[in-house]
């Protein structure tokens, strides 16, 4: 089998190279306390798009630091009682996408919430306010303002705020909520399940934002991870602060949040992925102590994985 990364048997044991900050748990306790103090102020407006079987809404809520965050919300028309729900997270730089591709969940009796990440291709608000580079990418944004100001910290908390808002709706069964996404969306699905432990099922496809130092050491700080190289070239060309940079990124490293997940996880892993390398995917997977299963694609990169959407659909349909 061709190899981009470690042999498969090593991957199955690998638990990451990026440093975990000593105060990681205190950091996220403080972040969640900030979220607790942030009233979501959910607003629902009927969308211009409507479907015969679904009620469709533009949903906005308040995230930390006052940003108004947007999500598409669909629910079955005429549902007789509380429905299960699926929360959907998109890839890096993208958006929540079209309405129509979410109707398969409505047909199954699910309500859907699809979030636009702040500062990316959708309608959510990026309130900014950090020092340093904002030209390329979001996971380095805030590095020079301290870990409490990392933009990805706020995006991570947005996923939990959306889950809380969904679970608080009387038409949603809070005990039957799942999350799904690929790449950045795969990372955010793991994060949401970690920060909102009531999430029962999580589908994550080749998650991004994991084991930054491993990406750097593999010389793959390009494509989605290009901003890591950009940051060093602009702000630390001699790598005099390398340890500090990787330690700070450790606060938003999904492999360490994955340890908190309580719901069941299904992960799709591609072994020829040069965008989110296999070892970084396994770094997150191997730290999950909750019930989990992975499906491996030996010859596939950062691309569609044949048959996986069907497996994910069946996995989440058990809600």
Protein backbone atom coordinates (compact mmCIF):
# COMPACT_ATOMS: atom_id res chain seq x y z
CA UNK A 1 0.00 0.00 0.00
CA UNK A 2 1.40 3.47 -0.85
CA UNK A 3 2.31 5.51 2.22
CA UNK A 4 2.04 9.26 2.82
CA UNK A 5 2.47 8.96 6.59
CA UNK A 6 3.27 6.35 9.23
CA UNK A 7 2.42 2.66 8.73
CA UNK A 8 -1.17 1.90 9.66
CA UNK A 9 -0.25 -0.04 12.81
CA UNK A 10 1.68 2.97 14.10
CA UNK A 11 -1.18 5.31 13.18
CA UNK A 12 -3.54 3.23 15.30
CA UNK A 13 -1.35 3.94 18.35
CA UNK A 14 -0.33 7.53 17.60
CA UNK A 15 -1.48 10.24 20.03
CA UNK A 16 -0.05 13.44 18.65
CA UNK A 17 3.05 15.57 18.82
CA UNK A 18 1.78 19.09 19.46
CA UNK A 19 2.13 20.17 23.10
CA UNK A 20 -0.92 20.28 25.34
CA UNK A 21 -0.88 23.40 27.54
CA UNK A 22 -0.68 22.62 31.27
CA UNK A 23 -3.73 24.76 31.94
CA UNK A 24 -5.80 23.35 29.05
CA UNK A 25 -8.72 22.26 31.21
CA UNK A 26 -8.77 25.53 33.17
CA UNK A 27 -8.67 27.42 29.86
CA UNK A 28 -11.76 25.66 28.54
CA UNK A 29 -13.56 25.94 31.88
CA UNK A 30 -13.01 29.69 31.68
CA UNK A 31 -14.18 29.74 28.05
CA UNK A 32 -17.36 27.82 28.87
CA UNK A 33 -18.01 30.19 31.77
CA UNK A 34 -17.88 33.05 29.27
CA UNK A 35 -20.34 31.16 27.10
CA UNK A 36 -22.62 30.58 30.09
CA UNK A 37 -22.72 34.34 30.58
CA UNK A 38 -23.61 34.97 26.92
CA UNK A 39 -27.36 35.01 26.30
CA UNK A 40 -27.98 33.40 22.89
CA UNK A 41 -30.88 35.74 21.97
CA UNK A 42 -32.06 33.38 19.24
CA UNK A 43 -34.03 34.92 16.38
CA UNK A 44 -35.93 32.90 13.79
CA UNK A 45 -37.11 34.43 10.53
CA UNK A 46 -38.92 32.43 7.82
CA UNK A 47 -36.52 31.95 4.93
CA UNK A 48 -37.24 32.92 1.33
CA UNK A 49 -36.62 29.24 0.56
CA UNK A 50 -39.48 26.95 1.60
CA UNK A 51 -40.15 23.31 0.77
CA UNK A 52 -43.37 21.27 0.73
CA UNK A 53 -42.18 19.04 3.58
CA UNK A 54 -40.18 21.53 5.64
CA UNK A 55 -40.37 24.81 7.49
CA UNK A 56 -37.18 26.74 6.75
CA UNK A 57 -35.79 29.55 8.87
CA UNK A 58 -32.87 31.94 8.99
CA UNK A 59 -31.60 31.56 12.55
CA UNK A 60 -29.24 33.97 14.29
CA UNK A 61 -27.81 33.76 17.80
CA UNK A 62 -25.22 35.63 19.85
CA UNK A 63 -21.84 34.03 20.38
CA UNK A 64 -19.05 35.10 22.70
CA UNK A 65 -17.71 38.63 22.25
CA UNK A 66 -21.10 39.69 20.91
CA UNK A 67 -20.92 38.26 17.38
CA UNK A 68 -24.21 37.41 15.70
CA UNK A 69 -23.88 33.96 14.19
CA UNK A 70 -26.08 32.63 11.39
CA UNK A 71 -27.44 29.13 10.78
CA UNK A 72 -29.97 27.57 8.45
CA UNK A 73 -32.72 25.79 10.35
CA UNK A 74 -35.14 23.31 8.81
CA UNK A 75 -37.76 21.24 10.59
CA UNK A 76 -40.37 18.76 9.40
CA UNK A 77 -43.68 20.35 8.59
CA UNK A 78 -46.47 19.16 10.85
CA UNK A 79 -44.26 17.12 13.20
CA UNK A 80 -46.39 15.53 15.92
CA UNK A 81 -43.80 15.82 18.69
CA UNK A 82 -40.18 16.72 19.49
CA UNK A 83 -37.84 15.66 16.71
CA UNK A 84 -34.23 14.50 16.69
CA UNK A 85 -31.79 17.03 15.28
CA UNK A 86 -28.57 17.07 13.32
CA UNK A 87 -26.10 19.98 13.47
CA UNK A 88 -23.97 20.45 10.34
CA UNK A 89 -20.57 22.17 10.11
CA UNK A 90 -18.84 23.18 6.89
CA UNK A 91 -15.29 23.07 5.53
CA UNK A 92 -12.71 25.84 5.92
CA UNK A 93 -13.61 29.10 4.15
CA UNK A 94 -17.03 27.76 3.16
CA UNK A 95 -20.59 28.27 4.35
CA UNK A 96 -23.69 26.33 5.35
CA UNK A 97 -24.43 25.80 1.66
CA UNK A 98 -27.78 25.20 -0.03
CA UNK A 99 -31.09 24.40 1.62
CA UNK A 100 -32.02 21.52 -0.66
CA UNK A 101 -29.20 19.19 0.33
CA UNK A 102 -30.51 19.15 3.92
CA UNK A 103 -34.00 17.95 3.04
CA UNK A 104 -32.96 14.28 3.22
CA UNK A 105 -32.72 14.74 7.00
CA UNK A 106 -36.11 16.42 7.13
CA UNK A 107 -37.56 13.49 5.18
CA UNK A 108 -36.20 11.23 7.92
CA UNK A 109 -37.98 13.29 10.57
CA UNK A 110 -34.97 15.32 11.73
CA UNK A 111 -34.64 19.03 12.32
CA UNK A 112 -31.45 20.52 10.87
CA UNK A 113 -29.15 23.32 12.01
CA UNK A 114 -26.32 24.28 9.62
CA UNK A 115 -23.98 26.99 10.94
CA UNK A 116 -21.94 29.60 9.08
CA UNK A 117 -18.57 29.97 10.81
CA UNK A 118 -17.74 33.56 11.66
CA UNK A 119 -15.26 35.20 9.30
CA UNK A 120 -15.75 32.69 6.49
CA UNK A 121 -18.00 32.33 3.45
CA UNK A 122 -21.39 32.73 5.04
CA UNK A 123 -23.47 35.30 6.90
CA UNK A 124 -22.01 35.14 10.41
CA UNK A 125 -20.39 38.18 11.96
CA UNK A 126 -16.64 38.36 12.65
CA UNK A 127 -16.14 41.04 15.28
CA UNK A 128 -12.33 40.94 14.91
CA UNK A 129 -10.30 42.99 17.34
CA UNK A 130 -6.95 41.20 17.44
CA UNK A 131 -3.36 42.18 16.78
CA UNK A 132 -1.35 40.82 13.89
CA UNK A 133 -2.12 39.05 10.67
CA UNK A 134 -5.71 38.67 9.44
CA UNK A 135 -4.84 38.28 5.75
CA UNK A 136 -4.84 34.50 5.42
CA UNK A 137 -6.69 32.12 7.66
CA UNK A 138 -8.38 32.08 11.02
CA UNK A 139 -6.60 29.58 13.23
CA UNK A 140 -3.60 31.90 13.64
CA UNK A 141 -5.84 34.92 14.26
CA UNK A 142 -5.33 36.10 17.81
CA UNK A 143 -1.98 34.36 18.38
CA UNK A 144 -0.39 37.68 19.30
CA UNK A 145 -3.26 38.77 21.55
CA UNK A 146 -3.17 35.76 23.88
CA UNK A 147 -5.05 32.44 23.95
CA UNK A 148 -8.31 33.95 25.20
CA UNK A 149 -8.50 35.93 21.95
CA UNK A 150 -7.95 33.12 19.45
CA UNK A 151 -10.66 33.39 16.83
CA UNK A 152 -11.01 29.62 16.60
CA UNK A 153 -11.74 29.54 20.33
CA UNK A 154 -14.79 31.68 19.59
CA UNK A 155 -15.83 29.49 16.65
CA UNK A 156 -15.50 26.40 18.85
CA UNK A 157 -17.76 28.03 21.43
CA UNK A 158 -20.24 28.96 18.68
CA UNK A 159 -20.77 25.25 18.01
CA UNK A 160 -21.72 24.69 21.65
CA UNK A 161 -23.97 27.76 21.70
CA UNK A 162 -25.82 26.47 18.64
CA UNK A 163 -26.22 23.04 20.25
CA UNK A 164 -27.55 24.63 23.44
CA UNK A 165 -29.97 26.81 21.48
CA UNK A 166 -31.23 23.83 19.50
CA UNK A 167 -31.65 21.66 22.59
CA UNK A 168 -33.61 24.44 24.33
CA UNK A 169 -36.28 24.50 21.61
CA UNK A 170 -39.47 22.67 22.66
CA UNK A 171 -39.76 21.07 19.24
CA UNK A 172 -36.32 19.41 19.59
CA UNK A 173 -35.65 16.27 21.60
CA UNK A 174 -32.46 17.25 23.46
CA UNK A 175 -31.62 13.58 24.04
CA UNK A 176 -31.44 12.86 20.29
CA UNK A 177 -28.98 15.36 18.83
CA UNK A 178 -26.12 14.49 16.47
CA UNK A 179 -23.40 16.47 14.70
CA UNK A 180 -21.60 16.01 11.41
CA UNK A 181 -18.99 17.63 9.17
CA UNK A 182 -15.87 17.14 7.08
CA UNK A 183 -12.41 18.75 7.29
CA UNK A 184 -12.97 21.93 9.33
CA UNK A 185 -16.51 20.65 9.76
CA UNK A 186 -15.11 17.35 11.01
CA UNK A 187 -13.07 19.22 13.59
CA UNK A 188 -16.08 21.30 14.67
CA UNK A 189 -18.26 18.20 14.97
CA UNK A 190 -15.73 16.75 17.42
CA UNK A 191 -15.49 20.08 19.24
CA UNK A 192 -19.26 20.44 19.54
CA UNK A 193 -19.57 16.92 20.95
CA UNK A 194 -16.76 17.73 23.39
CA UNK A 195 -18.08 21.08 24.62
CA UNK A 196 -21.74 19.98 24.71
CA UNK A 197 -21.61 16.48 26.24
CA UNK A 198 -25.33 15.88 25.61
CA UNK A 199 -24.54 15.33 21.90
CA UNK A 200 -25.29 11.65 21.36
CA UNK A 201 -23.68 10.91 17.97
CA UNK A 202 -20.84 12.53 16.06
CA UNK A 203 -19.69 12.03 12.48
CA UNK A 204 -16.26 13.45 11.67
CA UNK A 205 -14.59 13.16 8.26
CA UNK A 206 -10.80 13.79 8.03
CA UNK A 207 -10.82 16.46 10.78
CA UNK A 208 -8.77 19.64 10.40
CA UNK A 209 -7.19 21.63 13.30
CA UNK A 210 -5.43 18.66 14.87
CA UNK A 211 -1.77 18.15 15.86
CA UNK A 212 -0.34 21.32 14.30
CA UNK A 213 3.27 20.42 15.05
CA UNK A 214 2.96 17.13 13.18
CA UNK A 215 1.68 19.03 10.13
CA UNK A 216 4.69 21.32 10.37
CA UNK A 217 7.18 18.48 10.74
CA UNK A 218 5.72 16.73 7.69
CA UNK A 219 6.27 19.91 5.64
CA UNK A 220 2.53 20.05 4.94
CA UNK A 221 1.90 23.58 6.22
CA UNK A 222 0.24 24.46 2.94
CA UNK A 223 -3.28 24.30 1.54
CA UNK A 224 -5.56 24.52 4.61
CA UNK A 225 -2.56 24.84 6.96
CA UNK A 226 -0.74 27.45 4.86
CA UNK A 227 -1.33 30.18 7.43
CA UNK A 228 0.98 28.38 9.87
CA UNK A 229 3.88 28.89 7.48
CA UNK A 230 2.66 32.43 6.77
CA UNK A 231 2.70 33.23 10.49
CA UNK A 232 6.28 32.05 10.98
CA UNK A 233 7.50 33.87 7.86
CA UNK A 234 5.89 37.15 8.92
CA UNK A 235 6.23 37.15 12.70
CA UNK A 236 8.87 34.60 13.72
CA UNK A 237 11.18 34.02 10.74
CA UNK A 238 13.92 32.52 12.95
CA UNK A 239 11.50 30.34 14.91
CA UNK A 240 12.63 31.86 18.16
CA UNK A 241 9.07 31.60 19.49
CA UNK A 242 8.26 28.22 17.95
CA UNK A 243 7.58 26.48 21.27
CA UNK A 244 5.31 29.33 22.37
CA UNK A 245 3.39 29.29 19.08
CA UNK A 246 2.70 25.56 19.17
CA UNK A 247 1.82 25.69 22.85
CA UNK A 248 -0.75 28.44 22.18
CA UNK A 249 -2.21 26.51 19.25
CA UNK A 250 -2.57 23.62 21.68
CA UNK A 251 -5.58 25.36 23.21
CA UNK A 252 -7.44 24.95 19.91
CA UNK A 253 -6.10 21.50 19.03
CA UNK A 254 -9.07 19.18 18.57
CA UNK A 255 -7.14 16.08 19.64
CA UNK A 256 -7.19 17.33 23.23
CA UNK A 257 -10.85 18.35 23.19
CA UNK A 258 -11.71 14.94 21.72
CA UNK A 259 -10.88 13.40 25.11
CA UNK A 260 -14.06 15.02 26.50
CA UNK A 261 -16.50 13.44 24.04
CA UNK A 262 -19.17 11.25 25.63
CA UNK A 263 -21.36 10.47 22.61
CA UNK A 264 -20.67 7.78 20.03
CA UNK A 265 -18.30 8.71 17.17
CA UNK A 266 -17.97 7.58 13.56
CA UNK A 267 -14.89 8.88 11.74
CA UNK A 268 -13.89 8.65 8.09
CA UNK A 269 -10.10 8.57 7.67
CA UNK A 270 -8.22 8.87 4.36
CA UNK A 271 -4.64 7.56 4.35
CA UNK A 272 -3.42 9.58 1.35
CA UNK A 273 -4.65 12.92 2.71
CA UNK A 274 -1.95 15.56 2.25
CA UNK A 275 -4.24 18.37 3.49
CA UNK A 276 -5.12 16.89 6.90
CA UNK A 277 -2.50 14.12 7.24
CA UNK A 278 -3.63 10.71 8.48
CA UNK A 279 -1.54 10.90 11.66
CA UNK A 280 -3.32 14.11 12.67
CA UNK A 281 -6.69 12.43 12.10
CA UNK A 282 -5.64 9.44 14.21
CA UNK A 283 -4.25 11.77 16.90
CA UNK A 284 -7.82 12.92 17.51
CA UNK A 285 -9.44 9.52 17.03
CA UNK A 286 -7.07 7.72 19.38
CA UNK A 287 -7.84 10.13 22.23
CA UNK A 288 -11.58 9.44 22.14
CA UNK A 289 -12.55 7.17 25.01
CA UNK A 290 -16.26 7.10 24.13
CA UNK A 291 -17.67 4.37 21.84
CA UNK A 292 -16.13 4.91 18.41
CA UNK A 293 -15.56 3.38 15.01
CA UNK A 294 -13.53 4.45 12.01
CA UNK A 295 -13.77 3.62 8.33
CA UNK A 296 -10.43 3.80 6.54
CA UNK A 297 -9.90 4.72 2.87
CA UNK A 298 -6.33 3.63 2.00
CA UNK A 299 -6.11 5.19 -1.49
CA UNK A 300 -8.06 8.41 -0.91
CA UNK A 301 -6.96 11.93 -0.06
CA UNK A 302 -8.91 15.01 0.99
CA UNK A 303 -11.87 14.24 -1.23
CA UNK A 304 -15.21 12.50 -1.33
CA UNK A 305 -15.10 9.07 0.30
CA UNK A 306 -17.34 6.65 -1.64
CA UNK A 307 -20.07 5.14 0.49
CA UNK A 308 -19.21 7.07 3.63
CA UNK A 309 -22.18 9.42 3.42
CA UNK A 310 -24.44 6.36 3.39
CA UNK A 311 -22.72 4.97 6.49
CA UNK A 312 -22.98 8.35 8.22
CA UNK A 313 -26.66 8.64 7.33
CA UNK A 314 -27.43 5.21 8.80
CA UNK A 315 -25.31 5.97 11.90
CA UNK A 316 -27.12 9.23 12.65
CA UNK A 317 -30.53 7.84 11.68
CA UNK A 318 -30.38 5.65 14.81
CA UNK A 319 -31.13 8.80 16.78
